[in-house]
Every structure is written in structure tokens, then in C-alpha cells.
N, C-alpha and C. Protein backbone atom coordinates (compact mmCIF):
# COMPACT_ATOMS: atom_id res chain seq x y z
N MET A 1 69.04 84.39 76.67
CA MET A 1 69.84 86.01 75.86
C MET A 1 71.17 85.51 76.05
N HIS A 2 71.91 85.69 77.84
CA HIS A 2 73.07 85.11 77.98
C HIS A 2 73.49 83.94 76.97
N SER A 3 72.86 82.86 76.85
CA SER A 3 72.33 81.48 75.95
C SER A 3 73.17 81.93 74.98
N PHE A 4 72.59 83.61 74.31
CA PHE A 4 72.78 83.64 72.44
C PHE A 4 74.39 84.16 72.56
N MET A 5 74.09 84.67 73.94
CA MET A 5 75.93 85.36 74.14
C MET A 5 77.08 84.22 74.20
N SER A 6 76.82 83.63 75.18
CA SER A 6 77.47 82.31 75.55
C SER A 6 77.59 81.54 73.80
N THR A 7 77.31 81.54 72.77
CA THR A 7 77.18 80.51 71.99
C THR A 7 77.76 81.22 70.92
N CYS A 8 77.89 83.03 70.33
CA CYS A 8 78.80 83.27 70.45
C CYS A 8 80.21 83.11 70.47
N THR A 9 80.11 82.97 71.66
CA THR A 9 81.98 84.09 71.97
C THR A 9 82.30 82.46 71.60
N LEU A 10 81.59 80.78 71.93
CA LEU A 10 82.35 79.93 71.62
C LEU A 10 82.71 80.02 69.50
N MET A 11 81.78 79.90 69.57
CA MET A 11 81.72 79.70 67.68
C MET A 11 83.17 80.65 67.72
N VAL A 12 82.79 81.74 67.86
CA VAL A 12 84.04 82.76 67.09
C VAL A 12 84.82 81.75 68.09
N ALA A 13 85.37 81.12 69.11
CA ALA A 13 86.89 80.71 69.13
C ALA A 13 87.04 79.57 68.20
N VAL A 14 86.16 78.82 68.46
CA VAL A 14 86.17 77.91 67.01
C VAL A 14 86.61 78.00 65.74
N LYS A 15 86.08 79.64 65.25
CA LYS A 15 86.26 80.07 63.90
C LYS A 15 88.28 80.41 63.98
N LEU A 16 88.94 81.30 65.53
CA LEU A 16 90.05 81.68 65.43
C LEU A 16 90.55 80.21 65.43
N SER A 17 90.55 79.51 66.02
CA SER A 17 91.01 77.85 66.35
C SER A 17 91.36 77.54 65.16
N ILE A 18 90.53 77.84 64.10
CA ILE A 18 90.11 77.36 62.90
C ILE A 18 91.30 77.76 61.50
N ALA A 19 91.14 78.90 61.49
CA ALA A 19 91.70 80.10 61.34
C ALA A 19 93.72 79.98 61.72
N ALA A 20 93.90 79.84 63.26
CA ALA A 20 95.00 79.48 63.79
C ALA A 20 95.26 78.31 62.95
N ASP A 21 94.57 77.19 62.58
CA ASP A 21 95.50 75.96 61.71
C ASP A 21 95.72 76.17 60.61
């Protein structure tokens, strides 16, 4: 479960990075 949360956070960070670019 903790891994899932970590993955979601990472995914969001990547999406934000792409959106910012």
C-alpha cells in the first residue's frame, strides 16, 4: 500500500514537470 502511494506521488510529480514544460 505504501508503495502505491509513493508511485502515485511520483507520477503526479512527473505530470506536473511535463505540464510546467
